[in-house]
Amino acid sequence: MNKFHGTGVAMVTPFKTDGSIDHSGLKNIIDYIISGGVEYIVSLGTTGEVATLSSEEKKEVWEATTEHTAGRVPLVAGIGGNNTAEVVRDLKNFDIKGYDAVLSVSPYYSKPTQEGIYQHYKAISETSNLPVLLYNVPGRTSMNITADTTLRLAHDFKNIIGTKEASGSFDQLNTIIRDKPEDFLVISGDDSIALPLISAGAVGVISVVGNALPGILSTMVRMCLDGKFIEAQPLHYSLIEITNLCFAEGNPAGVKSALKILGICEDSVRLPLVNLSSESTLLIRKELMKLNVI
């Protein structure tokens, strides 16, 4: 699974001002991300506002992404939810052509026990025709996938190949990296801590800010994977402020604002999300100017 070493981008779903999917903008984003040198793209992860898309729209985006990417980089499909039976149905109906793995977020809102989380991913593992990446983001799901549960899944199911970890707990991450199977991938789910996590043994990041700054981020990650942490530090620190700004009023409103400033796509989001405030938009513009990308 070396194809998932490096920088993956959790791609936004661009919308027109009327709320419909912007296919021209989608092509622009794909080309921009790939030209920035990232290693792979995640289509319809949570950053893609997948909760607001119909089944038909999801299929539309997945197919358009496959067609336009045309094999230039590996693709990961975000297929998750808090209804295990529905996730299983989605996996059975998913056209895997052009895709290399599935990223599945831990069940949200329901707050299942660790055994419930294990059984949820067991069902996914037994259904998926593609390798599976876990996605642990307790700040959004309200329930952490503990190190013990992650390791249990990693050891029990060969097609669960890794985890996107956004727990923010270095104790948990250290335990997973120490005790995981050798080929199990630990991927940072937080842009701002990709460098220290790679130093501990992570293989890269699945990024939000990479939508807007794929070149800077992917260069920094590759330096880290080559062991050049001192050389990577200036790039790491240059991204701290823009990353904070992109999340200040919620994701993906912030990074979509940056993409509009860069001329890639509109900044429209679907309710219950709203567009970034004019004050935060101005701060993002100033930071992009500081980074010499506009």
C-alpha atoms as a PDB file:
ATOM      1  CA  MET A   1       0.000   0.000   0.000  1.00  0.00           C
ATOM      2  CA  ASN A   2       2.868   2.396  -0.732  1.00  0.00           C
ATOM      3  CA  LYS A   3       0.430   4.349  -2.909  1.00  0.00           C
ATOM      4  CA  PHE A   4      -0.962   5.799   0.343  1.00  0.00           C
ATOM      5  CA  HIS A   5       2.400   7.016   1.613  1.00  0.00           C
ATOM      6  CA  GLY A   6       2.574  10.800   1.368  1.00  0.00           C
ATOM      7  CA  THR A   7      -0.187  13.357   0.945  1.00  0.00           C
ATOM      8  CA  GLY A   8      -3.801  12.523   0.302  1.00  0.00           C
ATOM      9  CA  VAL A   9      -6.325  15.333  -0.088  1.00  0.00           C
ATOM     10  CA  ALA A  10      -9.864  15.074   1.272  1.00  0.00           C
ATOM     11  CA  MET A  11     -11.344  16.880  -1.705  1.00  0.00           C
ATOM     12  CA  VAL A  12     -14.156  19.390  -1.300  1.00  0.00           C
ATOM     13  CA  THR A  13     -17.300  19.081  -3.396  1.00  0.00           C
ATOM     14  CA  PRO A  14     -17.707  22.336  -5.333  1.00  0.00           C
ATOM     15  CA  PHE A  15     -21.205  23.765  -5.675  1.00  0.00           C
ATOM     16  CA  LYS A  16     -22.576  26.497  -7.899  1.00  0.00           C
ATOM     17  CA  THR A  17     -24.266  29.465  -6.260  1.00  0.00           C
ATOM     18  CA  ASP A  18     -27.622  27.733  -6.794  1.00  0.00           C
ATOM     19  CA  GLY A  19     -26.406  24.742  -4.756  1.00  0.00           C
ATOM     20  CA  SER A  20     -25.987  22.298  -7.647  1.00  0.00           C
ATOM     21  CA  ILE A  21     -22.748  20.368  -8.153  1.00  0.00           C
ATOM     22  CA  ASP A  22     -20.172  22.368 -10.096  1.00  0.00           C
ATOM     23  CA  HIS A  23     -18.592  19.862 -12.502  1.00  0.00           C
ATOM     24  CA  SER A  24     -16.282  22.443 -14.034  1.00  0.00           C
ATOM     25  CA  GLY A  25     -15.067  23.383 -10.571  1.00  0.00           C
ATOM     26  CA  LEU A  26     -14.573  19.699  -9.730  1.00  0.00           C
ATOM     27  CA  LYS A  27     -12.281  19.296 -12.732  1.00  0.00           C
ATOM     28  CA  ASN A  28     -10.384  22.439 -11.725  1.00  0.00           C
ATOM     29  CA  ILE A  29      -9.819  21.135  -8.205  1.00  0.00           C
ATOM     30  CA  ILE A  30      -8.663  17.713  -9.410  1.00  0.00           C
ATOM     31  CA  ASP A  31      -6.183  19.258 -11.855  1.00  0.00           C
ATOM     32  CA  TYR A  32      -4.950  21.761  -9.271  1.00  0.00           C
ATOM     33  CA  ILE A  33      -4.429  19.123  -6.580  1.00  0.00           C
ATOM     34  CA  ILE A  34      -2.634  16.734  -8.920  1.00  0.00           C
ATOM     35  CA  SER A  35      -0.417  19.488 -10.325  1.00  0.00           C
ATOM     36  CA  GLY A  36       0.576  20.227  -6.734  1.00  0.00           C
ATOM     37  CA  GLY A  37       2.195  16.807  -6.504  1.00  0.00           C
ATOM     38  CA  VAL A  38      -0.065  15.013  -4.035  1.00  0.00           C
ATOM     39  CA  GLU A  39       0.024  11.239  -3.924  1.00  0.00           C
ATOM     40  CA  TYR A  40      -3.738  10.485  -3.860  1.00  0.00           C
ATOM     41  CA  ILE A  41      -7.227  11.973  -3.591  1.00  0.00           C
ATOM     42  CA  VAL A  42     -10.121  11.117  -1.271  1.00  0.00           C
ATOM     43  CA  SER A  43     -13.476  11.664  -2.970  1.00  0.00           C
ATOM     44  CA  LEU A  44     -16.495  12.345  -0.760  1.00  0.00           C
ATOM     45  CA  GLY A  45     -14.910  12.135   2.618  1.00  0.00           C
ATOM     46  CA  THR A  46     -16.577  14.243   5.284  1.00  0.00           C
ATOM     47  CA  THR A  47     -14.848  17.374   3.901  1.00  0.00           C
ATOM     48  CA  GLY A  48     -16.798  16.722   0.692  1.00  0.00           C
ATOM     49  CA  GLU A  49     -20.063  17.574   2.528  1.00  0.00           C
ATOM     50  CA  VAL A  50     -21.180  14.025   1.792  1.00  0.00           C
ATOM     51  CA  ALA A  51     -23.972  14.201   4.385  1.00  0.00           C
ATOM     52  CA  THR A  52     -25.789  16.738   2.171  1.00  0.00           C
ATOM     53  CA  LEU A  53     -25.535  14.732  -1.055  1.00  0.00           C
ATOM     54  CA  SER A  54     -28.156  12.343  -2.391  1.00  0.00           C
ATOM     55  CA  SER A  55     -27.224   8.831  -3.494  1.00  0.00           C
ATOM     56  CA  GLU A  56     -27.494   9.959  -7.105  1.00  0.00           C
ATOM     57  CA  GLU A  57     -25.204  12.937  -6.479  1.00  0.00           C
ATOM     58  CA  LYS A  58     -22.607  10.762  -4.751  1.00  0.00           C
ATOM     59  CA  LYS A  59     -22.534   8.419  -7.728  1.00  0.00           C
ATOM     60  CA  GLU A  60     -22.263  11.417 -10.033  1.00  0.00           C
ATOM     61  CA  VAL A  61     -19.268  12.850  -8.167  1.00  0.00           C
ATOM     62  CA  TRP A  62     -17.488   9.501  -7.875  1.00  0.00           C
ATOM     63  CA  GLU A  63     -17.892   8.799 -11.589  1.00  0.00           C
ATOM     64  CA  ALA A  64     -16.847  12.311 -12.636  1.00  0.00           C
ATOM     65  CA  THR A  65     -13.800  12.114 -10.372  1.00  0.00           C
ATOM     66  CA  THR A  66     -12.738   8.763 -11.819  1.00  0.00           C
ATOM     67  CA  GLU A  67     -13.206   9.972 -15.370  1.00  0.00           C
ATOM     68  CA  HIS A  68     -11.284  13.222 -14.957  1.00  0.00           C
ATOM     69  CA  THR A  69      -8.508  11.823 -12.771  1.00  0.00           C
ATOM     70  CA  ALA A  70      -7.946   9.188 -15.471  1.00  0.00           C
ATOM     71  CA  GLY A  71      -5.525   7.151 -13.371  1.00  0.00           C
ATOM     72  CA  ARG A  72      -3.133  10.027 -12.712  1.00  0.00           C
ATOM     73  CA  VAL A  73      -3.249   9.381  -8.950  1.00  0.00           C
ATOM     74  CA  PRO A  74      -4.894   6.713  -6.776  1.00  0.00           C
ATOM     75  CA  LEU A  75      -8.428   7.400  -5.565  1.00  0.00           C
ATOM     76  CA  VAL A  76     -10.090   6.652  -2.224  1.00  0.00           C
ATOM     77  CA  ALA A  77     -13.868   6.743  -1.791  1.00  0.00           C
ATOM     78  CA  GLY A  78     -15.401   7.990   1.438  1.00  0.00           C
ATOM     79  CA  ILE A  79     -18.168   5.553   2.399  1.00  0.00           C
ATOM     80  CA  GLY A  80     -19.285   5.678   6.016  1.00  0.00           C
ATOM     81  CA  GLY A  81     -22.112   6.513   8.375  1.00  0.00           C
ATOM     82  CA  ASN A  82     -23.879   5.576  11.579  1.00  0.00           C
ATOM     83  CA  ASN A  83     -26.234   3.006  10.040  1.00  0.00           C
ATOM     84  CA  THR A  84     -24.141  -0.112   9.504  1.00  0.00           C
ATOM     85  CA  ALA A  85     -26.715  -1.782   7.259  1.00  0.00           C
ATOM     86  CA  GLU A  86     -26.861   1.291   5.021  1.00  0.00           C
ATOM     87  CA  VAL A  87     -23.054   1.505   4.797  1.00  0.00           C
ATOM     88  CA  VAL A  88     -22.980  -2.175   3.819  1.00  0.00           C
ATOM     89  CA  ARG A  89     -25.588  -1.516   1.106  1.00  0.00           C
ATOM     90  CA  ASP A  90     -23.585   1.447  -0.176  1.00  0.00           C
ATOM     91  CA  LEU A  91     -20.461  -0.703  -0.371  1.00  0.00           C
ATOM     92  CA  LYS A  92     -22.308  -3.454  -2.246  1.00  0.00           C
ATOM     93  CA  ASN A  93     -23.652  -0.913  -4.748  1.00  0.00           C
ATOM     94  CA  PHE A  94     -20.398   1.021  -5.158  1.00  0.00           C
ATOM     95  CA  ASP A  95     -18.714   0.807  -8.572  1.00  0.00           C
ATOM     96  CA  ILE A  96     -15.083   0.239  -7.597  1.00  0.00           C
ATOM     97  CA  LYS A  97     -13.738   1.022 -11.082  1.00  0.00           C
ATOM     98  CA  GLY A  98     -10.933   3.565 -10.725  1.00  0.00           C
ATOM     99  CA  TYR A  99     -10.829   3.398  -6.925  1.00  0.00           C
ATOM    100  CA  ASP A 100      -8.077   1.895  -4.781  1.00  0.00           C
ATOM    101  CA  ALA A 101      -9.527   1.942  -1.246  1.00  0.00           C
ATOM    102  CA  VAL A 102     -12.437   3.013   0.945  1.00  0.00           C
ATOM    103  CA  LEU A 103     -12.164   5.497   3.821  1.00  0.00           C
ATOM    104  CA  SER A 104     -14.931   4.900   6.356  1.00  0.00           C
ATOM    105  CA  VAL A 105     -15.593   7.321   9.188  1.00  0.00           C
ATOM    106  CA  SER A 106     -16.484   5.884  12.589  1.00  0.00           C
ATOM    107  CA  PRO A 107     -20.223   5.937  13.405  1.00  0.00           C
ATOM    108  CA  TYR A 108     -21.292   9.367  14.626  1.00  0.00           C
ATOM    109  CA  TYR A 109     -24.032  10.564  17.014  1.00  0.00           C
ATOM    110  CA  SER A 110     -25.000   7.044  18.147  1.00  0.00           C
ATOM    111  CA  LYS A 111     -21.947   6.833  20.438  1.00  0.00           C
ATOM    112  CA  PRO A 112     -21.543   3.031  20.146  1.00  0.00           C
ATOM    113  CA  THR A 113     -19.388   1.050  22.542  1.00  0.00           C
ATOM    114  CA  GLN A 114     -15.968  -0.162  21.424  1.00  0.00           C
ATOM    115  CA  GLU A 115     -17.537  -3.548  20.686  1.00  0.00           C
ATOM    116  CA  GLY A 116     -20.154  -1.808  18.547  1.00  0.00           C
ATOM    117  CA  ILE A 117     -17.428   0.029  16.625  1.00  0.00           C
ATOM    118  CA  TYR A 118     -15.550  -3.244  16.141  1.00  0.00           C
ATOM    119  CA  GLN A 119     -18.639  -5.029  14.833  1.00  0.00           C
ATOM    120  CA  HIS A 120     -19.427  -2.076  12.524  1.00  0.00           C
ATOM    121  CA  TYR A 121     -16.007  -2.269  10.892  1.00  0.00           C
ATOM    122  CA  LYS A 122     -16.147  -6.062  10.816  1.00  0.00           C
ATOM    123  CA  ALA A 123     -19.282  -5.782   8.676  1.00  0.00           C
ATOM    124  CA  ILE A 124     -17.542  -3.257   6.424  1.00  0.00           C
ATOM    125  CA  SER A 125     -14.460  -5.460   6.103  1.00  0.00           C
ATOM    126  CA  GLU A 126     -16.539  -8.494   5.189  1.00  0.00           C
ATOM    127  CA  THR A 127     -18.447  -6.515   2.527  1.00  0.00           C
ATOM    128  CA  SER A 128     -15.868  -4.257   0.890  1.00  0.00           C
ATOM    129  CA  ASN A 129     -14.235  -5.287  -2.364  1.00  0.00           C
ATOM    130  CA  LEU A 130     -11.556  -2.675  -1.738  1.00  0.00           C
ATOM    131  CA  PRO A 131      -9.027  -2.195   1.079  1.00  0.00           C
ATOM    132  CA  VAL A 132     -10.467  -0.215   3.996  1.00  0.00           C
ATOM    133  CA  LEU A 133      -9.019   2.729   5.900  1.00  0.00           C
ATOM    134  CA  LEU A 134     -10.542   3.500   9.295  1.00  0.00           C
ATOM    135  CA  TYR A 135     -11.257   7.149  10.094  1.00  0.00           C
ATOM    136  CA  ASN A 136     -11.155   8.160  13.746  1.00  0.00           C
ATOM    137  CA  VAL A 137     -12.280  11.742  14.376  1.00  0.00           C
ATOM    138  CA  PRO A 138     -13.860  11.863  17.855  1.00  0.00           C
ATOM    139  CA  GLY A 139     -14.181  15.645  17.735  1.00  0.00           C
ATOM    140  CA  ARG A 140     -16.927  15.118  15.157  1.00  0.00           C
ATOM    141  CA  THR A 141     -18.261  11.647  15.986  1.00  0.00           C
ATOM    142  CA  SER A 142     -18.256  12.063  19.802  1.00  0.00           C
ATOM    143  CA  MET A 143     -16.733   8.596  20.234  1.00  0.00           C
ATOM    144  CA  ASN A 144     -13.055   7.720  20.037  1.00  0.00           C
ATOM    145  CA  ILE A 145     -11.864   4.507  18.405  1.00  0.00           C
ATOM    146  CA  THR A 146      -9.426   3.476  21.114  1.00  0.00           C
ATOM    147  CA  ALA A 147      -5.962   2.167  20.391  1.00  0.00           C
ATOM    148  CA  ASP A 148      -7.080  -1.284  21.550  1.00  0.00           C
ATOM    149  CA  THR A 149      -9.992  -1.335  19.093  1.00  0.00           C
ATOM    150  CA  THR A 150      -7.861  -0.038  16.224  1.00  0.00           C
ATOM    151  CA  LEU A 151      -5.224  -2.679  16.903  1.00  0.00           C
ATOM    152  CA  ARG A 152      -7.845  -5.418  17.232  1.00  0.00           C
ATOM    153  CA  LEU A 153      -9.260  -4.479  13.817  1.00  0.00           C
ATOM    154  CA  ALA A 154      -5.780  -4.201  12.307  1.00  0.00           C
ATOM    155  CA  HIS A 155      -4.822  -7.684  13.469  1.00  0.00           C
ATOM    156  CA  ASP A 156      -8.159  -9.382  12.739  1.00  0.00           C
ATOM    157  CA  PHE A 157      -8.898  -8.131   9.206  1.00  0.00           C
ATOM    158  CA  LYS A 158      -6.258  -8.116   6.489  1.00  0.00           C
ATOM    159  CA  ASN A 159      -8.225  -5.779   4.223  1.00  0.00           C
ATOM    160  CA  ILE A 160      -8.333  -3.095   6.939  1.00  0.00           C
ATOM    161  CA  ILE A 161      -5.039  -1.602   5.863  1.00  0.00           C
ATOM    162  CA  GLY A 162      -4.743   1.540   7.952  1.00  0.00           C
ATOM    163  CA  THR A 163      -6.289   4.380   9.885  1.00  0.00           C
ATOM    164  CA  LYS A 164      -6.718   8.081   9.380  1.00  0.00           C
ATOM    165  CA  GLU A 165      -6.149   9.222  12.962  1.00  0.00           C
ATOM    166  CA  ALA A 166      -7.561  12.550  14.092  1.00  0.00           C
ATOM    167  CA  SER A 167      -7.887  11.806  17.798  1.00  0.00           C
ATOM    168  CA  GLY A 168      -5.221  14.374  18.663  1.00  0.00           C
ATOM    169  CA  SER A 169      -3.846  12.017  21.303  1.00  0.00           C
ATOM    170  CA  PHE A 170      -0.152  11.313  20.898  1.00  0.00           C
ATOM    171  CA  ASP A 171      -0.376   8.634  23.593  1.00  0.00           C
ATOM    172  CA  GLN A 172      -2.969   6.804  21.501  1.00  0.00           C
ATOM    173  CA  LEU A 173      -1.026   7.288  18.277  1.00  0.00           C
ATOM    174  CA  ASN A 174       2.209   6.095  19.823  1.00  0.00           C
ATOM    175  CA  THR A 175       0.506   2.935  21.056  1.00  0.00           C
ATOM    176  CA  ILE A 176      -1.024   2.195  17.657  1.00  0.00           C
ATOM    177  CA  ILE A 177       2.266   2.767  15.820  1.00  0.00           C
ATOM    178  CA  ARG A 178       4.193   0.656  18.330  1.00  0.00           C
ATOM    179  CA  ASP A 179       1.828  -2.330  18.347  1.00  0.00           C
ATOM    180  CA  LYS A 180       0.309  -2.396  14.853  1.00  0.00           C
ATOM    181  CA  PRO A 181       1.034  -5.016  12.185  1.00  0.00           C
ATOM    182  CA  GLU A 182       4.084  -4.012  10.174  1.00  0.00           C
ATOM    183  CA  ASP A 183       2.151  -3.151   7.022  1.00  0.00           C
ATOM    184  CA  PHE A 184      -0.728  -1.306   8.763  1.00  0.00           C
ATOM    185  CA  LEU A 185      -0.756   2.380   7.785  1.00  0.00           C
ATOM    186  CA  VAL A 186      -1.135   5.200  10.298  1.00  0.00           C
ATOM    187  CA  ILE A 187      -2.082   8.432   8.528  1.00  0.00           C
ATOM    188  CA  SER A 188      -2.432  11.819  10.174  1.00  0.00           C
ATOM    189  CA  GLY A 189      -5.949  13.226  10.024  1.00  0.00           C
ATOM    190  CA  ASP A 190      -4.762  16.646  11.191  1.00  0.00           C
ATOM    191  CA  ASP A 191      -2.742  18.920   8.917  1.00  0.00           C
ATOM    192  CA  SER A 192      -1.036  20.757  11.739  1.00  0.00           C
ATOM    193  CA  ILE A 193       0.565  17.667  13.312  1.00  0.00           C
ATOM    194  CA  ALA A 194       1.583  15.765  10.189  1.00  0.00           C
ATOM    195  CA  LEU A 195       5.283  16.489  10.745  1.00  0.00           C
ATOM    196  CA  PRO A 196       5.532  15.169  14.322  1.00  0.00           C
ATOM    197  CA  LEU A 197       3.352  12.163  13.500  1.00  0.00           C
ATOM    198  CA  ILE A 198       5.557  11.189  10.577  1.00  0.00           C
ATOM    199  CA  SER A 199       8.566  11.472  12.877  1.00  0.00           C
ATOM    200  CA  ALA A 200       6.816   8.908  15.128  1.00  0.00           C
ATOM    201  CA  GLY A 201       6.091   6.514  12.274  1.00  0.00           C
ATOM    202  CA  ALA A 202       3.020   7.764  10.398  1.00  0.00           C
ATOM    203  CA  VAL A 203       3.181   7.465   6.607  1.00  0.00           C
ATOM    204  CA  GLY A 204       1.627  10.800   5.685  1.00  0.00           C
ATOM    205  CA  VAL A 205      -1.530  12.871   5.964  1.00  0.00           C
ATOM    206  CA  ILE A 206      -5.037  13.040   4.548  1.00  0.00           C
ATOM    207  CA  SER A 207      -5.379  16.782   4.331  1.00  0.00           C
ATOM    208  CA  VAL A 208      -7.966  19.528   4.139  1.00  0.00           C
ATOM    209  CA  VAL A 209      -5.619  22.453   3.543  1.00  0.00           C
ATOM    210  CA  GLY A 210      -4.073  20.444   0.707  1.00  0.00           C
ATOM    211  CA  ASN A 211      -7.098  21.440  -1.388  1.00  0.00           C
ATOM    212  CA  ALA A 212      -5.731  24.970  -1.477  1.00  0.00           C
ATOM    213  CA  LEU A 213      -1.996  24.446  -0.926  1.00  0.00           C
ATOM    214  CA  PRO A 214      -1.130  21.033  -2.359  1.00  0.00           C
ATOM    215  CA  GLY A 215       2.374  22.014  -3.456  1.00  0.00           C
ATOM    216  CA  ILE A 216       3.631  23.341  -0.139  1.00  0.00           C
ATOM    217  CA  LEU A 217       2.029  20.568   1.893  1.00  0.00           C
ATOM    218  CA  SER A 218       3.073  17.630  -0.288  1.00  0.00           C
ATOM    219  CA  THR A 219       6.641  18.933  -0.486  1.00  0.00           C
ATOM    220  CA  MET A 220       6.787  19.169   3.302  1.00  0.00           C
ATOM    221  CA  VAL A 221       5.399  15.647   3.737  1.00  0.00           C
ATOM    222  CA  ARG A 222       7.855  14.140   1.253  1.00  0.00           C
ATOM    223  CA  MET A 223      10.742  15.843   3.076  1.00  0.00           C
ATOM    224  CA  CYS A 224       9.540  14.292   6.319  1.00  0.00           C
ATOM    225  CA  LEU A 225       9.231  10.844   4.785  1.00  0.00           C
ATOM    226  CA  ASP A 226      12.825  11.250   3.572  1.00  0.00           C
ATOM    227  CA  GLY A 227      13.898  12.049   7.138  1.00  0.00           C
ATOM    228  CA  LYS A 228      14.587  15.717   6.354  1.00  0.00           C
ATOM    229  CA  PHE A 229      12.648  17.088   9.314  1.00  0.00           C
ATOM    230  CA  ILE A 230      14.844  20.131   9.896  1.00  0.00           C
ATOM    231  CA  GLU A 231      14.517  21.138   6.243  1.00  0.00           C
ATOM    232  CA  ALA A 232      10.746  20.571   6.408  1.00  0.00           C
ATOM    233  CA  GLN A 233      10.199  22.761   9.467  1.00  0.00           C
ATOM    234  CA  PRO A 234       9.935  26.110   7.615  1.00  0.00           C
ATOM    235  CA  LEU A 235       7.185  24.722   5.376  1.00  0.00           C
ATOM    236  CA  HIS A 236       5.463  23.129   8.368  1.00  0.00           C
ATOM    237  CA  TYR A 237       5.369  26.402  10.264  1.00  0.00           C
ATOM    238  CA  SER A 238       4.363  28.403   7.190  1.00  0.00           C
ATOM    239  CA  LEU A 239       1.126  26.376   7.043  1.00  0.00           C
ATOM    240  CA  ILE A 240       0.082  26.772  10.682  1.00  0.00           C
ATOM    241  CA  GLU A 241      -1.790  30.065  10.320  1.00  0.00           C
ATOM    242  CA  ILE A 242      -3.619  29.208   7.084  1.00  0.00           C
ATOM    243  CA  THR A 243      -4.633  25.858   8.562  1.00  0.00           C
ATOM    244  CA  ASN A 244      -6.041  27.556  11.661  1.00  0.00           C
ATOM    245  CA  LEU A 245      -7.925  30.054   9.495  1.00  0.00           C
ATOM    246  CA  CYS A 246      -9.398  27.312   7.323  1.00  0.00           C
ATOM    247  CA  PHE A 247     -10.962  25.711  10.404  1.00  0.00           C
ATOM    248  CA  ALA A 248     -11.859  28.894  12.329  1.00  0.00           C
ATOM    249  CA  GLU A 249     -15.482  28.898  11.130  1.00  0.00           C
ATOM    250  CA  GLY A 250     -15.799  25.237  10.259  1.00  0.00           C
ATOM    251  CA  ASN A 251     -14.743  22.893   7.515  1.00  0.00           C
ATOM    252  CA  PRO A 252     -14.981  23.132   4.504  1.00  0.00           C
ATOM    253  CA  ALA A 253     -16.173  26.746   4.453  1.00  0.00           C
ATOM    254  CA  GLY A 254     -12.646  27.994   5.182  1.00  0.00           C
ATOM    255  CA  VAL A 255     -10.793  26.022   2.536  1.00  0.00           C
ATOM    256  CA  LYS A 256     -13.547  26.712   0.003  1.00  0.00           C
ATOM    257  CA  SER A 257     -13.008  30.429   0.628  1.00  0.00           C
ATOM    258  CA  ALA A 258      -9.311  29.922  -0.121  1.00  0.00           C
ATOM    259  CA  LEU A 259     -10.163  28.036  -3.322  1.00  0.00           C
ATOM    260  CA  LYS A 260     -12.392  30.886  -4.498  1.00  0.00           C
ATOM    261  CA  ILE A 261      -9.630  33.409  -3.828  1.00  0.00           C
ATOM    262  CA  LEU A 262      -7.279  31.192  -5.846  1.00  0.00           C
ATOM    263  CA  GLY A 263      -9.773  31.135  -8.726  1.00  0.00           C
ATOM    264  CA  ILE A 264     -10.359  27.372  -8.579  1.00  0.00           C
ATOM    265  CA  CYS A 265     -14.073  27.185  -7.725  1.00  0.00           C
ATOM    266  CA  GLU A 266     -16.879  28.985  -5.932  1.00  0.00           C
ATOM    267  CA  ASP A 267     -17.057  28.988  -2.136  1.00  0.00           C
ATOM    268  CA  SER A 268     -20.687  27.818  -1.924  1.00  0.00           C
ATOM    269  CA  VAL A 269     -21.603  25.327   0.802  1.00  0.00           C
ATOM    270  CA  ARG A 270     -24.840  23.560   1.609  1.00  0.00           C
ATOM    271  CA  LEU A 271     -26.869  24.198   4.740  1.00  0.00           C
ATOM    272  CA  PRO A 272     -26.487  23.807   7.636  1.00  0.00           C
ATOM    273  CA  LEU A 273     -23.050  25.184   6.699  1.00  0.00           C
ATOM    274  CA  VAL A 274     -22.780  28.817   5.646  1.00  0.00           C
ATOM    275  CA  ASN A 275     -20.140  30.791   3.807  1.00  0.00           C
ATOM    276  CA  LEU A 276     -17.153  32.225   5.624  1.00  0.00           C
ATOM    277  CA  SER A 277     -17.488  35.690   7.128  1.00  0.00           C
ATOM    278  CA  SER A 278     -15.955  38.606   5.246  1.00  0.00           C
ATOM    279  CA  GLU A 279     -13.507  39.144   8.123  1.00  0.00           C
ATOM    280  CA  SER A 280     -12.147  35.601   7.965  1.00  0.00           C
ATOM    281  CA  THR A 281     -12.090  35.684   4.163  1.00  0.00           C
ATOM    282  CA  LEU A 282      -9.891  38.776   4.290  1.00  0.00           C
ATOM    283  CA  LEU A 283      -7.507  37.067   6.720  1.00  0.00           C
ATOM    284  CA  ILE A 284      -7.255  34.042   4.427  1.00  0.00           C
ATOM    285  CA  ARG A 285      -6.520  36.295   1.458  1.00  0.00           C
ATOM    286  CA  LYS A 286      -3.745  38.024   3.390  1.00  0.00           C
ATOM    287  CA  GLU A 287      -2.242  34.689   4.410  1.00  0.00           C
ATOM    288  CA  LEU A 288      -2.331  33.376   0.834  1.00  0.00           C
ATOM    289  CA  MET A 289      -0.546  36.529  -0.273  1.00  0.00           C
ATOM    290  CA  LYS A 290       2.048  35.957   2.458  1.00  0.00           C
ATOM    291  CA  LEU A 291       2.578  32.445   1.113  1.00  0.00           C
ATOM    292  CA  ASN A 292       3.058  33.866  -2.428  1.00  0.00           C
ATOM    293  CA  VAL A 293       0.352  31.755  -4.018  1.00  0.00           C
ATOM    294  CA  ILE A 294      -1.693  34.779  -5.195  1.00  0.00           C
END
